[in-house]
Amino acid sequence: MDRILDILAIAVPVIFAITVHEVAHGWVASRLGDDTAASQGRLTLNPLKHVDPIGTVVVPVIMHLAGGPLFGWAKPVPVDFRRLRSPRRDIALVALAGPAANLLMLIGWGLVLALTDQLSGASRRFLLDVAEAGIIANTVLMVLNLFPVPPLDGSRVVAVLLPRRLAVWYVKLERVGLIVVAVLLVTGVLGTLITPPIEAVLDFVARLAFGN
C-alpha cells in the first residue's frame, strides 16, 4: 500500500503537469486563430486524451525510482501554424504557453506546500509528497522545454527570431531532436545545463513556502 501511495503521489501531479502543459498550447493557439486542437477534442483536462503510456507514466516513474530527474512527455497537441493570424509572433506565444502553464502550476503547488505546515501525520506526509512532486515536475518541464533544442518549446521561440532561411534549417532539426535530447540526457550533458536553473527555482519556492 505504501508503494502504491508513493507512485500515486508522483504520477498524479506529473500527469497533471504534462496534460495542462499540452492543453495550454492548444488553448492559446485557438485564441490566435487555429482551432485544430479544439476540433480534435484535445482542449480537455482529461489525461486520457493526452497521455502517452510510456512517456507520461512509465518513464517518469522509472526515472524517479532510479534517482534521476523527472522526465516525460505527452502526445503533442496538434497546432496548424499556417492558421495563426500572425504566424511568426503567434508561434512563439503558442510555444511559451506550455512553460507559462507550468509556472502557474508551480506557484499553486508552492501554496499547497506551505499549507502542509498546518497538517500532521500521514495526511501531511502524503500531501507533502504530492506537492513536492508537483513542484519538481513543473519546474523540470518548464526549464527543460525552454531549452532551445527542437522540438522543445524554446526552439520555436528561437526559430521566429532567426532569419527565415536559417529558421527553416533550424526547424528541420526536429526530425532528430528527440534523439539529441535523449543523448544529452543519457550522457549527463542535459542535466549539467538545466540543473542550476532548476535548483534555483526549487530553492526560491522553498523559501517562499517556508520563509527561510
N, C-alpha and C. Protein backbone atom coordinates (compact mmCIF):
# COMPACT_ATOMS: atom_id res chain seq x y z
N MET A 1 0.83 -1.21 0.00
CA MET A 1 0.00 0.00 0.00
C MET A 1 0.86 1.26 0.00
N ASP A 2 1.93 1.25 0.78
CA ASP A 2 2.82 2.42 0.82
C ASP A 2 3.43 2.68 -0.54
N ARG A 3 3.80 1.58 -1.25
CA ARG A 3 4.38 1.73 -2.58
C ARG A 3 3.36 2.32 -3.55
N ILE A 4 2.11 1.88 -3.45
CA ILE A 4 1.06 2.40 -4.32
C ILE A 4 0.85 3.89 -4.07
N LEU A 5 0.82 4.28 -2.80
CA LEU A 5 0.65 5.69 -2.46
C LEU A 5 1.83 6.52 -2.96
N ASP A 6 3.04 5.94 -2.85
CA ASP A 6 4.22 6.64 -3.35
C ASP A 6 4.12 6.89 -4.84
N ILE A 7 3.65 5.87 -5.59
CA ILE A 7 3.51 6.00 -7.04
C ILE A 7 2.43 7.02 -7.39
N LEU A 8 1.30 6.98 -6.66
CA LEU A 8 0.22 7.94 -6.91
C LEU A 8 0.67 9.37 -6.62
N ALA A 9 1.45 9.53 -5.55
CA ALA A 9 1.94 10.86 -5.17
C ALA A 9 2.82 11.45 -6.26
N ILE A 10 3.46 10.60 -7.04
CA ILE A 10 4.30 11.06 -8.14
C ILE A 10 3.50 11.18 -9.43
N ALA A 11 2.75 10.11 -9.75
CA ALA A 11 2.09 10.02 -11.05
C ALA A 11 1.02 11.09 -11.24
N VAL A 12 0.21 11.35 -10.21
CA VAL A 12 -0.89 12.30 -10.37
C VAL A 12 -0.40 13.71 -10.72
N PRO A 13 0.50 14.31 -9.94
CA PRO A 13 0.96 15.65 -10.31
C PRO A 13 1.76 15.68 -11.60
N VAL A 14 2.49 14.61 -11.92
CA VAL A 14 3.25 14.58 -13.17
C VAL A 14 2.31 14.55 -14.37
N ILE A 15 1.30 13.67 -14.31
CA ILE A 15 0.33 13.58 -15.40
C ILE A 15 -0.40 14.90 -15.56
N PHE A 16 -0.78 15.52 -14.44
CA PHE A 16 -1.48 16.80 -14.48
C PHE A 16 -0.60 17.88 -15.10
N ALA A 17 0.67 17.91 -14.72
CA ALA A 17 1.60 18.91 -15.24
C ALA A 17 1.75 18.78 -16.75
N ILE A 18 1.91 17.56 -17.23
CA ILE A 18 2.10 17.34 -18.65
C ILE A 18 0.82 17.63 -19.42
N THR A 19 -0.33 17.21 -18.86
CA THR A 19 -1.62 17.44 -19.52
C THR A 19 -1.92 18.92 -19.68
N VAL A 20 -1.79 19.68 -18.60
CA VAL A 20 -2.08 21.11 -18.66
C VAL A 20 -1.11 21.82 -19.58
N HIS A 21 0.14 21.39 -19.58
CA HIS A 21 1.15 21.96 -20.49
C HIS A 21 0.68 21.86 -21.93
N GLU A 22 0.20 20.68 -22.32
CA GLU A 22 -0.24 20.48 -23.70
C GLU A 22 -1.53 21.26 -24.00
N VAL A 23 -2.49 21.23 -23.05
CA VAL A 23 -3.74 21.96 -23.26
C VAL A 23 -3.47 23.45 -23.44
N ALA A 24 -2.49 23.98 -22.69
CA ALA A 24 -2.16 25.40 -22.80
C ALA A 24 -1.72 25.75 -24.21
N HIS A 25 -0.93 24.89 -24.84
CA HIS A 25 -0.53 25.13 -26.23
C HIS A 25 -1.76 25.26 -27.13
N GLY A 26 -2.66 24.27 -27.01
CA GLY A 26 -3.84 24.26 -27.86
C GLY A 26 -4.79 25.41 -27.58
N TRP A 27 -4.93 25.77 -26.30
CA TRP A 27 -5.86 26.85 -25.95
C TRP A 27 -5.37 28.18 -26.50
N VAL A 28 -4.08 28.47 -26.34
CA VAL A 28 -3.54 29.72 -26.88
C VAL A 28 -3.64 29.73 -28.40
N ALA A 29 -3.37 28.58 -29.04
CA ALA A 29 -3.49 28.50 -30.50
C ALA A 29 -4.92 28.81 -30.93
N SER A 30 -5.90 28.31 -30.17
CA SER A 30 -7.30 28.55 -30.53
C SER A 30 -7.65 30.04 -30.40
N ARG A 31 -7.04 30.71 -29.43
CA ARG A 31 -7.29 32.15 -29.25
C ARG A 31 -6.62 32.97 -30.35
N LEU A 32 -5.63 32.37 -31.00
CA LEU A 32 -4.87 33.09 -32.03
C LEU A 32 -5.25 32.67 -33.44
N GLY A 33 -6.33 31.89 -33.56
CA GLY A 33 -6.85 31.60 -34.90
C GLY A 33 -6.86 30.15 -35.33
N ASP A 34 -6.21 29.25 -34.61
CA ASP A 34 -6.16 27.84 -35.02
C ASP A 34 -6.96 26.97 -34.06
N ASP A 35 -8.05 26.38 -34.55
CA ASP A 35 -8.89 25.55 -33.68
C ASP A 35 -8.68 24.06 -33.90
N THR A 36 -7.50 23.69 -34.43
CA THR A 36 -7.22 22.28 -34.72
C THR A 36 -7.35 21.43 -33.47
N ALA A 37 -6.73 21.86 -32.38
CA ALA A 37 -6.78 21.09 -31.13
C ALA A 37 -8.21 20.96 -30.63
N ALA A 38 -8.97 22.05 -30.71
CA ALA A 38 -10.36 22.03 -30.24
C ALA A 38 -11.19 21.08 -31.08
N SER A 39 -10.99 21.10 -32.40
CA SER A 39 -11.79 20.25 -33.30
C SER A 39 -11.47 18.78 -33.11
N GLN A 40 -10.29 18.47 -32.57
CA GLN A 40 -9.91 17.08 -32.32
C GLN A 40 -10.13 16.66 -30.87
N GLY A 41 -10.82 17.51 -30.11
CA GLY A 41 -11.15 17.16 -28.73
C GLY A 41 -9.97 17.15 -27.78
N ARG A 42 -8.94 17.94 -28.08
CA ARG A 42 -7.74 17.94 -27.25
C ARG A 42 -7.70 19.08 -26.25
N LEU A 43 -8.69 19.98 -26.28
CA LEU A 43 -8.73 21.05 -25.28
C LEU A 43 -9.52 20.56 -24.07
N THR A 44 -9.03 19.53 -23.44
CA THR A 44 -9.67 18.93 -22.28
C THR A 44 -8.62 18.54 -21.27
N LEU A 45 -9.00 18.58 -19.99
CA LEU A 45 -8.07 18.17 -18.94
C LEU A 45 -8.17 16.68 -18.66
N ASN A 46 -8.95 15.97 -19.46
CA ASN A 46 -9.00 14.51 -19.35
C ASN A 46 -7.65 13.95 -19.80
N PRO A 47 -6.85 13.42 -18.86
CA PRO A 47 -5.49 12.98 -19.23
C PRO A 47 -5.47 11.86 -20.25
N LEU A 48 -6.57 11.11 -20.36
CA LEU A 48 -6.60 10.01 -21.33
C LEU A 48 -6.48 10.52 -22.76
N LYS A 49 -6.84 11.79 -22.98
CA LYS A 49 -6.74 12.37 -24.31
C LYS A 49 -5.30 12.78 -24.65
N HIS A 50 -4.46 12.87 -23.63
CA HIS A 50 -3.10 13.39 -23.83
C HIS A 50 -2.00 12.41 -23.44
N VAL A 51 -2.35 11.43 -22.62
CA VAL A 51 -1.33 10.55 -22.05
C VAL A 51 -0.70 9.66 -23.10
N ASP A 52 0.61 9.64 -23.10
CA ASP A 52 1.39 8.64 -23.81
C ASP A 52 1.80 7.64 -22.74
N PRO A 53 1.32 6.39 -22.80
CA PRO A 53 1.57 5.44 -21.70
C PRO A 53 3.04 5.35 -21.29
N ILE A 54 3.92 5.39 -22.26
CA ILE A 54 5.35 5.29 -21.96
C ILE A 54 5.89 6.62 -21.44
N GLY A 55 5.67 7.69 -22.21
CA GLY A 55 6.28 8.98 -21.90
C GLY A 55 5.67 9.69 -20.71
N THR A 56 4.38 9.46 -20.45
CA THR A 56 3.70 10.19 -19.39
C THR A 56 3.68 9.45 -18.06
N VAL A 57 3.74 8.13 -18.11
CA VAL A 57 3.61 7.34 -16.88
C VAL A 57 4.88 6.54 -16.58
N VAL A 58 5.24 5.64 -17.49
CA VAL A 58 6.32 4.69 -17.20
C VAL A 58 7.67 5.39 -17.03
N VAL A 59 8.03 6.25 -17.99
CA VAL A 59 9.35 6.90 -17.93
C VAL A 59 9.51 7.78 -16.69
N PRO A 60 8.54 8.67 -16.37
CA PRO A 60 8.72 9.49 -15.16
C PRO A 60 8.86 8.68 -13.88
N VAL A 61 8.04 7.62 -13.74
CA VAL A 61 8.11 6.79 -12.53
C VAL A 61 9.45 6.07 -12.43
N ILE A 62 9.91 5.51 -13.56
CA ILE A 62 11.20 4.81 -13.56
C ILE A 62 12.33 5.78 -13.25
N MET A 63 12.29 6.96 -13.87
CA MET A 63 13.34 7.95 -13.62
C MET A 63 13.38 8.35 -12.16
N HIS A 64 12.20 8.50 -11.56
CA HIS A 64 12.15 8.89 -10.14
C HIS A 64 12.68 7.76 -9.25
N LEU A 65 12.23 6.54 -9.49
CA LEU A 65 12.66 5.42 -8.66
C LEU A 65 14.15 5.13 -8.82
N ALA A 66 14.69 5.51 -9.99
CA ALA A 66 16.11 5.29 -10.25
C ALA A 66 16.96 6.45 -9.73
N GLY A 67 16.29 7.46 -9.18
CA GLY A 67 17.03 8.59 -8.63
C GLY A 67 17.40 9.64 -9.66
N GLY A 68 16.82 9.53 -10.87
CA GLY A 68 17.12 10.50 -11.92
C GLY A 68 16.12 11.63 -11.92
N PRO A 69 16.27 12.59 -12.83
CA PRO A 69 15.34 13.72 -12.91
C PRO A 69 14.00 13.28 -13.46
N LEU A 70 12.92 13.94 -13.03
CA LEU A 70 11.61 13.65 -13.60
C LEU A 70 11.61 14.07 -15.06
N PHE A 71 11.30 13.13 -15.94
CA PHE A 71 11.35 13.39 -17.37
C PHE A 71 10.23 12.62 -18.04
N GLY A 72 9.52 13.26 -18.94
CA GLY A 72 8.45 12.56 -19.65
C GLY A 72 7.86 13.43 -20.74
N TRP A 73 6.85 12.90 -21.40
CA TRP A 73 6.22 13.64 -22.47
C TRP A 73 4.79 13.13 -22.67
N ALA A 74 3.99 13.93 -23.36
CA ALA A 74 2.63 13.55 -23.70
C ALA A 74 2.48 13.58 -25.22
N LYS A 75 1.32 13.16 -25.69
CA LYS A 75 1.04 13.30 -27.12
C LYS A 75 0.92 14.79 -27.43
N PRO A 76 1.71 15.30 -28.33
CA PRO A 76 1.66 16.75 -28.62
C PRO A 76 0.28 17.17 -29.10
N VAL A 77 -0.19 18.31 -28.63
CA VAL A 77 -1.44 18.89 -29.11
C VAL A 77 -1.20 19.41 -30.53
N PRO A 78 -2.05 19.04 -31.48
CA PRO A 78 -1.84 19.49 -32.87
C PRO A 78 -2.09 20.99 -33.03
N VAL A 79 -1.17 21.64 -33.70
CA VAL A 79 -1.30 23.07 -34.00
C VAL A 79 -0.93 23.28 -35.46
N ASP A 80 -1.83 23.91 -36.22
CA ASP A 80 -1.56 24.25 -37.61
C ASP A 80 -1.10 25.70 -37.65
N PHE A 81 0.21 25.89 -37.70
CA PHE A 81 0.78 27.23 -37.61
C PHE A 81 0.35 28.14 -38.77
N ARG A 82 -0.07 27.52 -39.89
CA ARG A 82 -0.50 28.32 -41.05
C ARG A 82 -1.80 29.06 -40.77
N ARG A 83 -2.56 28.60 -39.78
CA ARG A 83 -3.87 29.20 -39.49
C ARG A 83 -3.77 30.31 -38.43
N LEU A 84 -2.61 30.49 -37.87
CA LEU A 84 -2.44 31.56 -36.88
C LEU A 84 -2.48 32.91 -37.58
N ARG A 85 -3.04 33.90 -36.90
CA ARG A 85 -3.25 35.21 -37.53
C ARG A 85 -1.93 35.92 -37.84
N SER A 86 -0.97 35.80 -36.95
CA SER A 86 0.34 36.41 -37.16
C SER A 86 1.40 35.35 -36.87
N PRO A 87 1.66 34.46 -37.83
CA PRO A 87 2.43 33.24 -37.57
C PRO A 87 3.73 33.43 -36.81
N ARG A 88 4.58 34.35 -37.23
CA ARG A 88 5.89 34.46 -36.58
C ARG A 88 5.75 34.82 -35.10
N ARG A 89 4.86 35.76 -34.80
CA ARG A 89 4.65 36.13 -33.40
C ARG A 89 3.90 35.03 -32.65
N ASP A 90 2.84 34.50 -33.28
CA ASP A 90 1.95 33.57 -32.59
C ASP A 90 2.60 32.21 -32.33
N ILE A 91 3.51 31.80 -33.20
CA ILE A 91 4.23 30.54 -32.96
C ILE A 91 4.97 30.62 -31.63
N ALA A 92 5.60 31.76 -31.38
CA ALA A 92 6.33 31.94 -30.12
C ALA A 92 5.37 31.96 -28.94
N LEU A 93 4.23 32.61 -29.09
CA LEU A 93 3.26 32.67 -28.00
C LEU A 93 2.69 31.30 -27.68
N VAL A 94 2.39 30.52 -28.72
CA VAL A 94 1.89 29.16 -28.51
C VAL A 94 2.94 28.31 -27.81
N ALA A 95 4.19 28.46 -28.22
CA ALA A 95 5.28 27.69 -27.62
C ALA A 95 5.46 28.04 -26.15
N LEU A 96 5.39 29.33 -25.83
CA LEU A 96 5.61 29.78 -24.45
C LEU A 96 4.43 29.45 -23.54
N ALA A 97 3.27 29.13 -24.13
CA ALA A 97 2.08 28.85 -23.32
C ALA A 97 2.29 27.64 -22.41
N GLY A 98 3.00 26.62 -22.90
CA GLY A 98 3.23 25.43 -22.09
C GLY A 98 4.06 25.71 -20.86
N PRO A 99 5.27 26.28 -21.01
CA PRO A 99 6.07 26.64 -19.84
C PRO A 99 5.36 27.63 -18.91
N ALA A 100 4.57 28.56 -19.49
CA ALA A 100 3.84 29.51 -18.65
C ALA A 100 2.82 28.79 -17.78
N ALA A 101 2.15 27.77 -18.35
CA ALA A 101 1.20 26.98 -17.57
C ALA A 101 1.91 26.24 -16.44
N ASN A 102 3.10 25.72 -16.73
CA ASN A 102 3.88 25.04 -15.68
C ASN A 102 4.28 26.00 -14.58
N LEU A 103 4.57 27.25 -14.95
CA LEU A 103 4.91 28.25 -13.94
C LEU A 103 3.73 28.51 -13.01
N LEU A 104 2.53 28.63 -13.58
CA LEU A 104 1.34 28.87 -12.76
C LEU A 104 1.07 27.68 -11.84
N MET A 105 1.23 26.46 -12.38
CA MET A 105 1.02 25.27 -11.55
C MET A 105 2.09 25.17 -10.46
N LEU A 106 3.29 25.56 -10.81
CA LEU A 106 4.39 25.57 -9.84
C LEU A 106 4.04 26.46 -8.66
N ILE A 107 3.50 27.64 -8.94
CA ILE A 107 3.09 28.56 -7.88
C ILE A 107 1.98 27.93 -7.04
N GLY A 108 1.02 27.27 -7.72
CA GLY A 108 -0.07 26.63 -6.99
C GLY A 108 0.41 25.54 -6.06
N TRP A 109 1.32 24.69 -6.54
CA TRP A 109 1.86 23.63 -5.69
C TRP A 109 2.70 24.20 -4.56
N GLY A 110 3.32 25.35 -4.81
CA GLY A 110 4.06 26.02 -3.74
C GLY A 110 3.15 26.44 -2.61
N LEU A 111 1.95 26.91 -2.96
CA LEU A 111 0.96 27.27 -1.94
C LEU A 111 0.51 26.04 -1.17
N VAL A 112 0.31 24.94 -1.88
CA VAL A 112 -0.07 23.68 -1.21
C VAL A 112 1.04 23.24 -0.26
N LEU A 113 2.28 23.38 -0.70
CA LEU A 113 3.41 23.01 0.14
C LEU A 113 3.42 23.82 1.43
N ALA A 114 3.13 25.10 1.31
CA ALA A 114 3.09 25.96 2.50
C ALA A 114 2.00 25.53 3.46
N LEU A 115 0.87 25.03 2.93
CA LEU A 115 -0.26 24.63 3.76
C LEU A 115 0.01 23.34 4.53
N THR A 116 1.00 22.56 4.10
CA THR A 116 1.27 21.29 4.79
C THR A 116 1.74 21.51 6.22
N ASP A 117 2.23 22.71 6.52
CA ASP A 117 2.64 23.01 7.90
C ASP A 117 1.47 22.99 8.87
N GLN A 118 0.23 23.09 8.31
CA GLN A 118 -0.95 23.09 9.16
C GLN A 118 -1.47 21.69 9.42
N LEU A 119 -0.85 20.68 8.81
CA LEU A 119 -1.30 19.30 8.97
C LEU A 119 -0.30 18.49 9.77
N SER A 120 -0.66 17.25 10.03
CA SER A 120 0.26 16.36 10.76
C SER A 120 -0.02 14.92 10.35
N GLY A 121 0.88 14.04 10.71
CA GLY A 121 0.69 12.62 10.48
C GLY A 121 0.78 12.21 9.03
N ALA A 122 0.06 11.11 8.69
CA ALA A 122 0.14 10.52 7.36
C ALA A 122 -0.40 11.47 6.29
N SER A 123 -1.45 12.24 6.61
CA SER A 123 -2.02 13.15 5.62
C SER A 123 -1.02 14.22 5.23
N ARG A 124 -0.25 14.70 6.22
CA ARG A 124 0.77 15.71 5.92
C ARG A 124 1.86 15.11 5.04
N ARG A 125 2.27 13.89 5.36
CA ARG A 125 3.33 13.24 4.59
C ARG A 125 2.93 13.03 3.14
N PHE A 126 1.68 12.57 2.94
CA PHE A 126 1.21 12.31 1.59
C PHE A 126 1.08 13.61 0.80
N LEU A 127 0.45 14.63 1.40
CA LEU A 127 0.28 15.91 0.70
C LEU A 127 1.62 16.57 0.43
N LEU A 128 2.56 16.39 1.34
CA LEU A 128 3.91 16.92 1.14
C LEU A 128 4.56 16.26 -0.06
N ASP A 129 4.41 14.94 -0.17
CA ASP A 129 4.99 14.21 -1.30
C ASP A 129 4.35 14.66 -2.62
N VAL A 130 3.02 14.83 -2.60
CA VAL A 130 2.32 15.25 -3.82
C VAL A 130 2.77 16.66 -4.23
N ALA A 131 2.82 17.58 -3.26
CA ALA A 131 3.22 18.95 -3.56
C ALA A 131 4.65 19.00 -4.08
N GLU A 132 5.53 18.25 -3.45
CA GLU A 132 6.93 18.24 -3.89
C GLU A 132 7.05 17.68 -5.31
N ALA A 133 6.29 16.62 -5.60
CA ALA A 133 6.32 16.04 -6.95
C ALA A 133 5.78 17.04 -7.96
N GLY A 134 4.71 17.75 -7.58
CA GLY A 134 4.15 18.75 -8.48
C GLY A 134 5.11 19.89 -8.75
N ILE A 135 5.79 20.33 -7.71
CA ILE A 135 6.77 21.41 -7.86
C ILE A 135 7.94 20.97 -8.73
N ILE A 136 8.46 19.80 -8.45
CA ILE A 136 9.61 19.31 -9.23
C ILE A 136 9.21 19.06 -10.68
N ALA A 137 8.05 18.41 -10.90
CA ALA A 137 7.62 18.09 -12.27
C ALA A 137 7.43 19.36 -13.09
N ASN A 138 6.76 20.36 -12.51
CA ASN A 138 6.50 21.58 -13.27
C ASN A 138 7.77 22.40 -13.48
N THR A 139 8.67 22.37 -12.51
CA THR A 139 9.94 23.08 -12.68
C THR A 139 10.76 22.45 -13.79
N VAL A 140 10.86 21.12 -13.77
CA VAL A 140 11.63 20.42 -14.80
C VAL A 140 11.02 20.64 -16.17
N LEU A 141 9.68 20.52 -16.27
CA LEU A 141 9.02 20.72 -17.56
C LEU A 141 9.23 22.14 -18.07
N MET A 142 9.11 23.11 -17.18
CA MET A 142 9.27 24.50 -17.58
C MET A 142 10.70 24.77 -18.08
N VAL A 143 11.68 24.39 -17.28
CA VAL A 143 13.08 24.66 -17.64
C VAL A 143 13.49 23.84 -18.86
N LEU A 144 13.14 22.56 -18.88
CA LEU A 144 13.52 21.70 -19.99
C LEU A 144 12.94 22.19 -21.30
N ASN A 145 11.66 22.56 -21.29
CA ASN A 145 11.01 22.96 -22.54
C ASN A 145 11.50 24.31 -23.05
N LEU A 146 12.12 25.10 -22.18
CA LEU A 146 12.70 26.36 -22.64
C LEU A 146 14.08 26.16 -23.26
N PHE A 147 14.60 24.94 -23.14
CA PHE A 147 15.90 24.61 -23.73
C PHE A 147 15.77 24.65 -25.26
N PRO A 148 16.64 25.36 -25.97
CA PRO A 148 16.45 25.61 -27.41
C PRO A 148 16.91 24.49 -28.33
N VAL A 149 16.39 23.27 -28.09
CA VAL A 149 16.67 22.15 -28.98
C VAL A 149 15.34 21.66 -29.56
N PRO A 150 15.18 21.67 -30.89
CA PRO A 150 13.94 21.17 -31.48
C PRO A 150 13.69 19.72 -31.04
N PRO A 151 12.45 19.34 -30.71
CA PRO A 151 11.20 20.10 -30.85
C PRO A 151 10.74 20.77 -29.55
N LEU A 152 11.63 21.02 -28.61
CA LEU A 152 11.25 21.66 -27.36
C LEU A 152 10.76 23.09 -27.62
N ASP A 153 9.94 23.59 -26.71
CA ASP A 153 9.27 24.88 -26.92
C ASP A 153 10.25 26.03 -27.15
N GLY A 154 11.37 26.00 -26.45
CA GLY A 154 12.34 27.07 -26.60
C GLY A 154 12.86 27.20 -28.01
N SER A 155 12.90 26.07 -28.74
CA SER A 155 13.41 26.12 -30.11
C SER A 155 12.48 26.90 -31.03
N ARG A 156 11.18 26.87 -30.74
CA ARG A 156 10.23 27.60 -31.58
C ARG A 156 10.39 29.11 -31.38
N VAL A 157 10.70 29.50 -30.16
CA VAL A 157 10.95 30.92 -29.89
C VAL A 157 12.20 31.36 -30.63
N VAL A 158 13.25 30.53 -30.57
CA VAL A 158 14.49 30.85 -31.28
C VAL A 158 14.24 30.93 -32.78
N ALA A 159 13.42 30.00 -33.30
CA ALA A 159 13.17 29.94 -34.74
C ALA A 159 12.55 31.23 -35.27
N VAL A 160 11.62 31.83 -34.52
CA VAL A 160 10.97 33.04 -35.01
C VAL A 160 11.88 34.25 -34.92
N LEU A 161 12.97 34.13 -34.16
CA LEU A 161 13.92 35.22 -34.04
C LEU A 161 15.02 35.15 -35.09
N LEU A 162 15.15 33.99 -35.73
CA LEU A 162 16.20 33.80 -36.72
C LEU A 162 15.76 34.32 -38.09
N PRO A 163 16.72 34.66 -38.96
CA PRO A 163 16.38 34.97 -40.35
C PRO A 163 15.67 33.77 -40.97
N ARG A 164 14.76 34.02 -41.90
CA ARG A 164 13.88 32.96 -42.41
C ARG A 164 14.65 31.74 -42.91
N ARG A 165 15.70 31.95 -43.70
CA ARG A 165 16.43 30.81 -44.27
C ARG A 165 17.07 29.97 -43.17
N LEU A 166 17.65 30.62 -42.19
CA LEU A 166 18.27 29.90 -41.08
C LEU A 166 17.21 29.22 -40.22
N ALA A 167 16.06 29.86 -40.07
CA ALA A 167 14.97 29.28 -39.27
C ALA A 167 14.46 27.99 -39.90
N VAL A 168 14.36 27.97 -41.24
CA VAL A 168 13.90 26.76 -41.94
C VAL A 168 14.85 25.61 -41.66
N TRP A 169 16.14 25.86 -41.74
CA TRP A 169 17.14 24.82 -41.45
C TRP A 169 17.05 24.36 -40.00
N TYR A 170 16.87 25.31 -39.11
CA TYR A 170 16.83 25.02 -37.67
C TYR A 170 15.62 24.14 -37.32
N VAL A 171 14.46 24.47 -37.91
CA VAL A 171 13.24 23.71 -37.62
C VAL A 171 13.36 22.27 -38.13
N LYS A 172 14.11 22.06 -39.22
CA LYS A 172 14.27 20.71 -39.76
C LYS A 172 14.98 19.78 -38.78
N LEU A 173 15.67 20.35 -37.79
CA LEU A 173 16.34 19.53 -36.78
C LEU A 173 15.35 18.75 -35.92
N GLU A 174 14.04 19.10 -36.01
CA GLU A 174 13.03 18.39 -35.24
C GLU A 174 13.02 16.90 -35.57
N ARG A 175 13.45 16.55 -36.78
CA ARG A 175 13.45 15.15 -37.20
C ARG A 175 14.31 14.29 -36.29
N VAL A 176 15.37 14.89 -35.77
CA VAL A 176 16.28 14.13 -34.89
C VAL A 176 16.34 14.75 -33.50
N GLY A 177 15.45 15.71 -33.25
CA GLY A 177 15.51 16.46 -32.00
C GLY A 177 15.40 15.59 -30.76
N LEU A 178 14.42 14.68 -30.74
CA LEU A 178 14.24 13.84 -29.56
C LEU A 178 15.44 12.93 -29.33
N ILE A 179 16.07 12.51 -30.41
CA ILE A 179 17.28 11.69 -30.28
C ILE A 179 18.39 12.52 -29.63
N VAL A 180 18.51 13.77 -30.08
CA VAL A 180 19.52 14.67 -29.50
C VAL A 180 19.25 14.88 -28.02
N VAL A 181 17.98 15.12 -27.67
CA VAL A 181 17.62 15.33 -26.27
C VAL A 181 17.94 14.08 -25.45
N ALA A 182 17.61 12.90 -26.00
CA ALA A 182 17.87 11.64 -25.29
C ALA A 182 19.36 11.43 -25.07
N VAL A 183 20.16 11.73 -26.08
CA VAL A 183 21.62 11.58 -25.96
C VAL A 183 22.17 12.54 -24.91
N LEU A 184 21.69 13.78 -24.94
CA LEU A 184 22.13 14.77 -23.95
C LEU A 184 21.73 14.34 -22.54
N LEU A 185 20.56 13.70 -22.42
CA LEU A 185 20.09 13.24 -21.12
C LEU A 185 20.94 12.09 -20.61
N VAL A 186 21.16 11.09 -21.46
CA VAL A 186 21.91 9.90 -21.07
C VAL A 186 23.36 10.23 -20.74
N THR A 187 23.95 11.14 -21.49
CA THR A 187 25.36 11.50 -21.26
C THR A 187 25.55 12.44 -20.08
N GLY A 188 24.44 12.97 -19.57
CA GLY A 188 24.54 13.87 -18.43
C GLY A 188 24.72 15.33 -18.80
N VAL A 189 24.88 15.60 -20.11
CA VAL A 189 25.09 16.98 -20.56
C VAL A 189 23.85 17.83 -20.28
N LEU A 190 22.68 17.26 -20.58
CA LEU A 190 21.44 17.99 -20.37
C LEU A 190 21.25 18.32 -18.89
N GLY A 191 21.53 17.34 -18.04
CA GLY A 191 21.41 17.57 -16.61
C GLY A 191 22.33 18.67 -16.12
N THR A 192 23.54 18.69 -16.65
CA THR A 192 24.50 19.73 -16.27
C THR A 192 24.00 21.12 -16.65
N LEU A 193 23.33 21.20 -17.80
CA LEU A 193 22.87 22.50 -18.29
C LEU A 193 21.62 23.00 -17.57
N ILE A 194 20.69 22.09 -17.27
CA ILE A 194 19.42 22.54 -16.70
C ILE A 194 19.34 22.42 -15.19
N THR A 195 20.29 21.71 -14.56
CA THR A 195 20.24 21.56 -13.11
C THR A 195 20.36 22.89 -12.36
N PRO A 196 21.30 23.77 -12.73
CA PRO A 196 21.40 25.05 -11.99
C PRO A 196 20.10 25.86 -11.99
N PRO A 197 19.44 26.09 -13.16
CA PRO A 197 18.19 26.84 -13.09
C PRO A 197 17.08 26.10 -12.35
N ILE A 198 17.06 24.78 -12.46
CA ILE A 198 16.06 24.00 -11.73
C ILE A 198 16.26 24.16 -10.23
N GLU A 199 17.49 24.04 -9.78
CA GLU A 199 17.79 24.17 -8.35
C GLU A 199 17.48 25.58 -7.87
N ALA A 200 17.74 26.58 -8.70
CA ALA A 200 17.46 27.96 -8.31
C ALA A 200 15.95 28.16 -8.11
N VAL A 201 15.14 27.60 -9.03
CA VAL A 201 13.69 27.73 -8.91
C VAL A 201 13.20 26.99 -7.67
N LEU A 202 13.69 25.77 -7.45
CA LEU A 202 13.25 24.98 -6.29
C LEU A 202 13.63 25.66 -4.98
N ASP A 203 14.81 26.23 -4.94
CA ASP A 203 15.24 26.94 -3.73
C ASP A 203 14.35 28.16 -3.48
N PHE A 204 14.00 28.86 -4.54
CA PHE A 204 13.14 30.04 -4.41
C PHE A 204 11.76 29.66 -3.89
N VAL A 205 11.20 28.57 -4.43
CA VAL A 205 9.88 28.12 -3.98
C VAL A 205 9.92 27.69 -2.52
N ALA A 206 10.98 26.98 -2.14
CA ALA A 206 11.10 26.53 -0.75
C ALA A 206 11.16 27.72 0.21
N ARG A 207 11.88 28.75 -0.20
CA ARG A 207 11.98 29.95 0.64
C ARG A 207 10.62 30.64 0.77
N LEU A 208 9.87 30.69 -0.32
CA LEU A 208 8.55 31.31 -0.26
C LEU A 208 7.59 30.49 0.60
N ALA A 209 7.68 29.14 0.46
CA ALA A 209 6.73 28.27 1.16
C ALA A 209 6.99 28.25 2.66
N PHE A 210 8.28 28.22 3.05
CA PHE A 210 8.61 28.03 4.46
C PHE A 210 9.27 29.25 5.10
N GLY A 211 9.49 30.29 4.28
CA GLY A 211 10.01 31.53 4.85
C GLY A 211 11.40 31.44 5.42
N ASN A 212 12.26 30.61 4.82
CA ASN A 212 13.65 30.52 5.28
C ASN A 212 14.58 30.21 4.12
